[in-house]
Protein backbone atom coordinates (compact mmCIF):
# COMPACT_ATOMS: atom_id res chain seq x y z
CA MET A 1 117.71 102.89 60.28
CA GLU A 2 118.32 106.39 61.70
CA LYS A 3 115.00 107.61 60.29
CA LEU A 4 113.17 104.62 61.81
CA LEU A 5 114.66 105.32 65.24
CA LYS A 6 113.82 109.02 65.11
CA TYR A 7 110.32 108.27 63.88
CA CYS A 8 109.60 105.74 66.61
CA LEU A 9 110.97 107.95 69.38
CA SER A 10 108.99 110.95 68.15
CA PHE A 11 105.88 108.83 67.77
CA LEU A 12 106.15 107.54 71.32
CA LEU A 13 106.94 110.90 72.86
CA LEU A 14 104.17 112.80 71.13
CA THR A 15 101.32 110.30 71.15
CA SER A 16 102.14 107.66 73.80
CA LEU A 17 100.63 105.07 71.46
CA SER A 18 101.96 101.55 71.38
CA CYS A 19 104.91 100.83 69.16
CA LYS A 20 104.68 97.13 69.90
CA ASN A 21 103.43 96.46 66.41
CA LYS A 22 106.53 98.05 64.90
CA ASN A 23 109.22 95.62 63.89
CA PHE A 24 112.12 96.22 66.27
CA ASP A 25 113.74 92.83 65.69
CA GLU A 26 116.12 94.36 63.19
CA ILE A 27 117.21 97.09 65.61
CA PRO A 28 120.16 96.16 67.82
CA PHE A 29 119.23 95.83 71.48
CA GLU A 30 121.65 98.57 72.55
CA GLU A 31 119.89 101.00 70.23
CA ARG A 32 116.51 99.98 71.63
CA LYS A 33 117.87 100.54 75.13
CA LEU A 34 118.94 104.03 74.10
CA ILE A 35 115.45 104.83 72.77
CA ALA A 36 113.92 103.53 76.01
CA LYS A 37 116.30 105.65 78.08
CA GLN A 38 115.56 108.77 76.04
CA LEU A 39 111.84 108.11 76.33
CA TRP A 40 112.04 107.61 80.10
CA ASP A 41 114.29 110.64 80.64
CA SER A 42 112.14 112.88 78.48
CA GLU A 43 108.85 112.04 80.19
CA ASN A 44 110.30 111.80 83.69
CA SER A 45 111.95 115.23 83.38
CA LYS A 46 108.55 116.82 82.65
CA HIS A 47 106.58 115.70 85.70
CA GLY A 48 107.60 112.17 86.58
CA PHE A 49 105.25 109.20 86.66
CA ASP A 50 103.74 109.95 90.04
CA HIS A 51 100.80 111.93 91.42
CA ILE A 52 98.08 112.63 88.83
CA PHE A 53 99.96 110.99 85.95
CA GLN A 54 100.72 107.76 87.79
CA GLY A 55 98.50 104.83 86.83
CA THR A 56 96.68 106.64 84.04
CA PRO A 57 96.24 104.92 80.64
CA LYS A 58 98.78 107.36 79.21
CA ALA A 59 101.37 106.47 81.84
CA MET A 60 100.81 102.73 81.64
CA THR A 61 100.97 102.74 77.83
CA LEU A 62 104.16 104.76 77.91
CA LEU A 63 105.74 102.40 80.41
CA ASP A 64 104.63 99.40 78.36
CA ASN A 65 106.42 100.95 75.39
CA ILE A 66 109.63 101.50 77.35
CA ILE A 67 109.61 97.91 78.59
CA ALA A 68 108.83 96.60 75.09
CA LEU A 69 111.95 98.42 73.89
CA ASP A 70 114.09 97.41 76.88
CA SER A 71 112.88 94.52 79.02
CA THR A 72 115.72 95.19 81.49
CA HIS A 73 114.64 98.76 82.28
CA ALA A 74 114.35 98.35 86.06
CA LYS A 75 112.96 101.82 86.73
CA ALA A 76 110.11 101.34 84.28
CA LEU A 77 109.41 97.84 85.64
CA ARG A 78 109.22 99.24 89.14
CA GLU A 79 107.10 102.22 88.08
CA ILE A 80 104.54 100.13 86.21
CA SER A 81 104.11 97.98 89.34
CA VAL A 82 103.17 100.90 91.61
CA PRO A 83 99.52 101.38 90.56
CA PHE A 84 98.87 97.69 91.25
CA LEU A 85 100.48 98.06 94.68
CA LYS A 86 98.39 101.10 95.62
CA ARG A 87 95.18 99.54 94.31
CA GLY A 88 95.61 96.34 96.28
CA ILE A 89 96.42 93.90 93.46
CA PRO A 90 99.46 92.16 94.99
CA HIS A 91 100.01 89.42 92.42
CA GLU A 92 100.25 91.97 89.60
CA TRP A 93 102.49 94.22 91.69
CA LYS A 94 104.88 91.44 92.67
CA LEU A 95 105.14 90.06 89.13
CA ARG A 96 106.45 93.39 87.87
CA PHE A 97 108.41 94.49 90.90
CA ASP A 98 110.33 91.22 91.08
CA LYS A 99 111.51 91.86 87.52
CA ALA A 100 112.84 95.24 88.60
CA VAL A 101 114.62 93.50 91.48
CA ALA A 102 116.14 90.96 89.09
CA HIS A 103 117.65 93.69 86.90
CA ASP A 104 118.70 96.07 89.69
CA PRO A 105 118.78 94.27 93.05
CA THR A 106 120.96 96.89 94.71
CA THR A 107 118.26 99.53 94.33
CA TRP A 108 115.07 97.53 94.58
CA VAL A 109 115.71 94.74 97.12
CA PRO A 110 115.65 97.13 100.12
CA MET A 111 112.68 98.97 98.61
CA ARG A 112 110.80 95.68 98.20
CA GLY A 113 111.48 95.04 101.87
CA TYR A 114 109.91 98.37 102.72
CA LEU A 115 106.84 97.50 100.63
CA TYR A 116 106.51 94.04 102.18
CA LEU A 117 106.59 95.75 105.57
CA SER A 118 104.40 98.78 104.98
CA PHE A 119 101.78 97.44 102.58
CA TYR A 120 101.58 93.76 103.45
CA ARG A 121 102.91 93.42 107.02
CA ASP A 122 105.00 90.50 105.84
CA TYR A 123 107.69 90.90 108.48
CA GLU A 124 109.64 87.78 107.54
CA LYS A 125 110.04 88.75 103.88
CA ALA A 126 110.74 92.37 104.79
CA ILE A 127 113.53 91.41 107.18
CA ALA A 128 114.97 88.99 104.61
CA ASP A 129 115.20 91.79 102.04
CA PHE A 130 116.70 94.24 104.53
CA ASN A 131 119.26 91.62 105.51
CA ALA A 132 120.01 90.88 101.85
CA SER A 133 120.65 94.57 101.20
CA ASP A 134 123.54 94.42 103.68
CA SER A 135 125.39 92.02 101.41
CA LEU A 136 124.41 93.78 98.18
CA THR A 137 126.07 97.06 99.09
CA SER A 138 129.06 98.16 101.13
CA TYR A 139 126.99 101.02 102.55
CA LEU A 140 123.82 101.27 104.61
CA ASP A 141 120.72 101.48 102.44
CA TYR A 142 118.05 104.12 103.05
CA PRO A 143 114.82 103.04 101.31
CA GLN A 144 112.17 105.76 101.56
CA GLY A 145 114.60 108.01 103.39
CA HIS A 146 115.16 105.75 106.41
CA SER A 147 117.91 103.24 107.03
CA VAL A 148 117.28 99.51 106.78
CA ASP A 149 118.08 99.38 110.51
CA TYR A 150 115.14 101.76 111.09
CA TRP A 151 112.85 99.53 109.04
CA ARG A 152 114.16 96.38 110.76
CA GLY A 153 113.28 97.98 114.09
CA ILE A 154 109.69 98.34 112.90
CA ALA A 155 109.56 94.88 111.32
CA TYR A 156 110.80 93.13 114.45
CA LEU A 157 108.32 95.14 116.53
CA GLY A 158 105.53 93.97 114.23
CA ALA A 159 106.75 90.40 114.68
CA LYS A 160 106.80 90.97 118.47
CA ASP A 161 110.50 90.16 118.60
CA TYR A 162 111.19 92.96 121.05
CA ASP A 163 114.84 92.17 121.72
CA ASN A 164 115.77 92.45 118.06
CA SER A 165 113.53 95.49 117.63
CA VAL A 166 115.28 97.35 120.45
CA ALA A 167 118.68 96.21 119.21
CA TYR A 168 118.08 97.72 115.76
CA TRP A 169 116.60 100.90 117.23
CA ASP A 170 119.71 101.22 119.38
CA LYS A 171 121.92 100.71 116.33
CA HIS A 172 119.94 103.17 114.21
CA ILE A 173 119.72 105.88 116.87
CA THR A 174 123.40 105.56 117.76
CA LYS A 175 124.50 105.99 114.15
CA GLU A 176 122.16 108.92 113.48
CA THR A 177 123.30 110.59 116.71
CA GLU A 178 126.97 110.14 115.80
CA ASP A 179 126.37 111.42 112.27
CA SER A 180 124.11 114.39 112.95
CA GLY A 181 123.26 114.72 116.64
CA GLU A 182 120.43 113.27 118.67
CA GLU A 183 118.10 116.17 117.86
CA TRP A 184 118.14 115.03 114.20
CA VAL A 185 117.03 111.46 114.94
CA GLU A 186 113.52 110.71 113.63
CA LEU A 187 110.95 111.06 116.39
CA GLU A 188 109.42 107.77 115.23
CA ALA A 189 112.65 105.99 116.18
CA PHE A 190 112.25 106.98 119.84
CA LEU A 191 108.50 106.36 119.65
CA TYR A 192 108.86 102.83 118.29
CA ARG A 193 111.70 101.96 120.64
CA GLY A 194 109.47 103.16 123.45
CA ILE A 195 106.61 100.98 122.21
CA ALA A 196 108.95 97.97 122.00
CA TYR A 197 109.95 98.55 125.62
CA TYR A 198 106.33 99.15 126.63
CA GLU A 199 105.09 95.93 125.06
CA SER A 200 107.94 93.97 126.60
CA ASP A 201 106.97 95.39 130.01
CA ASN A 202 110.02 97.62 130.50
CA LYS A 203 108.02 100.64 131.61
CA GLU A 204 111.00 102.71 132.74
CA LYS A 205 112.79 102.47 129.39
CA ALA A 206 109.51 103.02 127.57
CA ASN A 207 108.89 106.23 129.47
CA GLU A 208 112.40 107.48 128.74
CA ASN A 209 111.81 107.12 125.00
CA PHE A 210 108.39 108.76 125.04
CA ASP A 211 109.96 111.64 126.96
CA LYS A 212 112.57 111.94 124.20
CA VAL A 213 109.81 112.37 121.62
CA ILE A 214 108.19 115.14 123.64
CA GLN A 215 111.57 116.72 124.42
CA TYR A 216 112.37 117.25 120.75
CA PHE A 217 108.83 117.88 119.54
CA THR A 218 106.29 119.04 122.10
CA ASN A 219 103.26 117.84 120.14
CA SER A 220 102.90 114.06 119.88
CA ALA A 221 99.59 112.31 120.42
CA ASP A 222 101.34 108.92 120.28
CA ALA A 223 103.94 109.59 122.96
CA LYS A 224 101.37 111.24 125.24
CA TYR A 225 98.92 108.38 124.72
CA TYR A 226 101.46 105.86 125.97
CA LYS A 227 102.59 108.11 128.80
CA ALA A 228 98.97 108.46 129.92
CA LYS A 229 98.70 104.67 130.02
CA LEU A 230 101.88 104.47 132.08
CA LEU A 231 100.68 107.17 134.47
CA LEU A 232 97.36 105.40 134.94
CA ASN A 233 99.08 102.10 135.66
CA GLU A 234 101.17 103.88 138.30
CA GLY A 235 98.06 105.34 139.91
CA HIS A 236 98.69 108.95 138.84
CA LYS A 237 95.15 109.48 137.62
CA LYS A 238 95.08 113.29 137.48
CA ALA A 239 98.38 113.42 135.57
CA ALA A 240 97.12 110.65 133.27
CA LEU A 241 93.93 112.61 132.52
CA ASN A 242 95.90 115.78 131.75
CA MET A 243 98.22 113.81 129.51
CA ILE A 244 95.46 112.14 127.49
CA GLU A 245 93.65 115.45 127.08
CA ASP A 246 96.87 116.92 125.66
CA ALA A 247 97.15 113.88 123.38
CA ILE A 248 93.64 114.48 122.04
CA VAL A 249 94.49 118.12 121.27
CA ASP A 250 97.66 117.02 119.44
CA PHE A 251 95.75 114.37 117.51
CA ASN A 252 93.09 116.83 116.40
CA ASN A 253 95.86 119.16 115.22
CA GLY A 254 97.37 116.37 113.10
CA TYR A 255 100.33 115.53 115.36
CA TYR A 256 100.22 111.75 115.29
CA ASN A 257 102.14 109.02 113.48
CA ASN A 258 100.51 108.39 110.11
CA LYS A 259 101.32 108.26 106.41
CA ALA A 260 99.63 108.17 103.02
CA TYR A 261 98.30 104.92 101.50
CA VAL A 262 98.94 102.68 104.50
CA GLU A 263 98.28 102.47 108.21
CA THR A 264 101.48 102.85 110.21
CA LEU A 265 102.42 100.10 112.62
CA ARG A 266 100.67 100.71 115.96
CA GLN A 267 98.82 103.69 114.51
CA ILE A 268 96.47 105.31 117.03
CA TYR A 269 93.04 106.73 116.32
CA LEU A 270 90.87 109.27 118.10
CA LEU A 271 88.71 106.42 119.42
CA ASP A 272 91.76 104.95 121.19
CA LEU A 273 92.41 108.24 122.94
CA GLU A 274 88.78 108.77 123.90
CA GLU A 275 88.49 105.22 125.26
CA LEU A 276 91.57 105.73 127.40
CA LYS A 277 90.21 109.05 128.68
CA SER A 278 86.94 107.35 129.63
CA LYS A 279 88.86 104.60 131.41
CA ILE A 280 90.86 107.17 133.40
CA ILE A 281 87.72 109.07 134.38
CA ALA A 282 85.94 105.86 135.39
CA SER A 283 88.86 104.88 137.61
CA ASN A 284 88.48 107.99 139.81
């Protein structure tokens, strides 16, 4: 038995070929789990399953092998779902990711909420998962480095539920300020709270939040874009033109809200800025 285990592990590690045809029925499940763990740890310690390696035949075969050995390996189930997510094959992604959730809900429920929100704009399902995470753990979850309150603020904004959006931004910003100081709060938190106020026609509060963004980080095409719109609405055309020109400079220098793989909620583009500039000029 010991020789069989060593042979299979070595075979998988060195060649990444499928061991599915090997007869593992005689091997106790706990021993198979150990092989799967060793296989995962060994490969993940080298370079992980992301970047160039992620989604390649080698990676997918290796993950298939781990799952064949241990069908409860939540990390492998999650990892094998990622290429389907990034390539826009939702039914294949969800099939695998839901299995990861079933075996480790504490870790993967809030992350699934983030994916529902960021990749699919399914605000209802995202909020449901963020809410579920509150009862799964005694602590606040931080999927993708941001609290579930942060993500709920975005989800409710996407759903145009501005009251709840502002409420969760208030909660998130208050906690982060108490923990680390206001200067450490994500700029996007002030930006999105400002947008929630702007879209709910609270221009004063919106302006306060956009000013916060600029206060802590001078360059922000997004904050300046919205401030230019506010200035124009107030009849301050020269100030609006200066502001949108600054926004265009910031945008061209890469200072705007964006991320890899997906469009951020309310993401602005150069065309938006140029159209607003033309509108300001035409109003003179």
